[in-house]
Amino acid sequence: MGLTEARDKNQDATKVLLSRLIILDLTDASSLEAGRILALLEEKGNLIGFRDALIAAIAITHKVPLTTRDVEHFQGSGPGATGITLVECQ
């Protein structure tokens, strides 16, 4: 298989994968929620990264559980703190 054929095959596989996914938007509400999460956790001395706060906020504002292998990154934004539902995937 040549380079062009391999690239085309990868692009086709990517299109199939993307057609199966639901992409959640980063909205103004999500951005505000991320700021709220960061402020709340900072008050408690439990800091998480800005990107993690945005990911958590997107899940919260879209009312979906967050499925991740990196549960520890989101522990500080757990149900008691922000209302997020975490699901650990294997």
Protein backbone atom coordinates (compact mmCIF):
# COMPACT_ATOMS: atom_id res chain seq x y z
CA MET A 1 0.00 0.00 0.00
CA GLY A 2 1.41 3.33 -1.05
CA LEU A 3 1.53 6.49 1.04
CA THR A 4 -1.47 8.03 -0.73
CA GLU A 5 -3.57 4.87 -0.30
CA ALA A 6 -2.65 4.67 3.40
CA ARG A 7 -3.57 8.33 3.90
CA ASP A 8 -6.91 7.84 2.13
CA LYS A 9 -7.64 4.74 4.22
CA ASN A 10 -6.84 6.66 7.43
CA GLN A 11 -9.03 9.57 6.38
CA ASP A 12 -11.92 7.21 5.61
CA ALA A 13 -11.52 5.49 8.99
CA THR A 14 -11.47 8.89 10.72
CA LYS A 15 -14.68 9.94 8.95
CA VAL A 16 -16.39 6.72 10.08
CA LEU A 17 -15.26 7.29 13.67
CA LEU A 18 -16.38 10.93 13.69
CA SER A 19 -19.79 9.97 12.30
CA ARG A 20 -20.30 7.83 15.44
CA LEU A 21 -19.37 10.58 17.91
CA ILE A 22 -21.41 13.38 19.36
CA ILE A 23 -19.23 16.48 19.56
CA LEU A 24 -20.19 18.79 22.42
CA ASP A 25 -19.66 22.50 21.88
CA LEU A 26 -17.75 24.84 24.13
CA THR A 27 -20.41 27.48 24.78
CA ASP A 28 -20.46 30.73 26.71
CA ALA A 29 -22.26 28.83 29.48
CA SER A 30 -19.50 26.20 29.51
CA SER A 31 -16.84 28.89 29.75
CA LEU A 32 -18.62 30.54 32.67
CA GLU A 33 -19.03 27.15 34.36
CA ALA A 34 -15.31 26.46 33.96
CA GLY A 35 -14.55 29.75 35.70
CA ARG A 36 -16.98 28.83 38.49
CA ILE A 37 -15.32 25.42 38.89
CA LEU A 38 -11.85 26.93 39.05
CA ALA A 39 -12.91 29.56 41.61
CA LEU A 40 -14.75 27.01 43.74
CA LEU A 41 -11.87 24.57 43.78
CA GLU A 42 -9.31 27.31 44.39
CA GLU A 43 -11.24 28.30 47.52
CA LYS A 44 -10.94 24.71 48.71
CA GLY A 45 -7.24 24.53 47.84
CA ASN A 46 -7.94 21.87 45.24
CA LEU A 47 -6.52 23.11 41.95
CA ILE A 48 -7.08 21.49 38.57
CA GLY A 49 -5.83 22.56 35.17
CA PHE A 50 -7.80 25.01 33.06
CA ARG A 51 -8.28 22.42 30.30
CA ASP A 52 -9.68 19.92 32.82
CA ALA A 53 -12.06 22.61 34.11
CA LEU A 54 -13.26 23.28 30.54
CA ILE A 55 -13.80 19.57 29.88
CA ALA A 56 -15.73 19.19 33.15
CA ALA A 57 -17.77 22.33 32.40
CA ILE A 58 -18.73 21.10 28.94
CA ALA A 59 -19.98 17.83 30.45
CA ILE A 60 -21.91 19.68 33.16
CA THR A 61 -23.56 22.21 30.84
CA HIS A 62 -24.58 19.47 28.40
CA LYS A 63 -25.82 17.33 31.31
CA VAL A 64 -23.77 14.27 30.34
CA PRO A 65 -21.44 12.11 32.42
CA LEU A 66 -17.73 12.51 31.79
CA THR A 67 -16.14 9.21 30.80
CA THR A 68 -12.38 9.23 31.23
CA ARG A 69 -9.37 7.11 32.05
CA ASP A 70 -7.96 10.06 34.01
CA VAL A 71 -10.52 10.12 36.81
CA GLU A 72 -7.88 11.52 39.17
CA HIS A 73 -7.63 14.69 37.08
CA PHE A 74 -11.31 15.32 37.63
CA GLN A 75 -11.70 14.18 41.24
CA GLY A 76 -11.61 17.77 42.46
CA SER A 77 -14.51 18.62 40.21
CA GLY A 78 -16.62 15.71 41.48
CA PRO A 79 -20.31 15.74 42.42
CA GLY A 80 -19.81 17.41 45.79
CA ALA A 81 -17.92 20.27 44.21
CA THR A 82 -19.57 20.93 40.89
CA GLY A 83 -22.27 18.44 39.96
CA ILE A 84 -20.26 16.45 37.43
CA THR A 85 -20.80 12.71 37.08
CA LEU A 86 -17.58 10.79 36.47
CA VAL A 87 -17.44 7.40 34.78
CA GLU A 88 -14.12 5.58 34.71
CA CYS A 89 -13.44 3.65 31.53
CA GLN A 90 -11.05 0.74 31.34
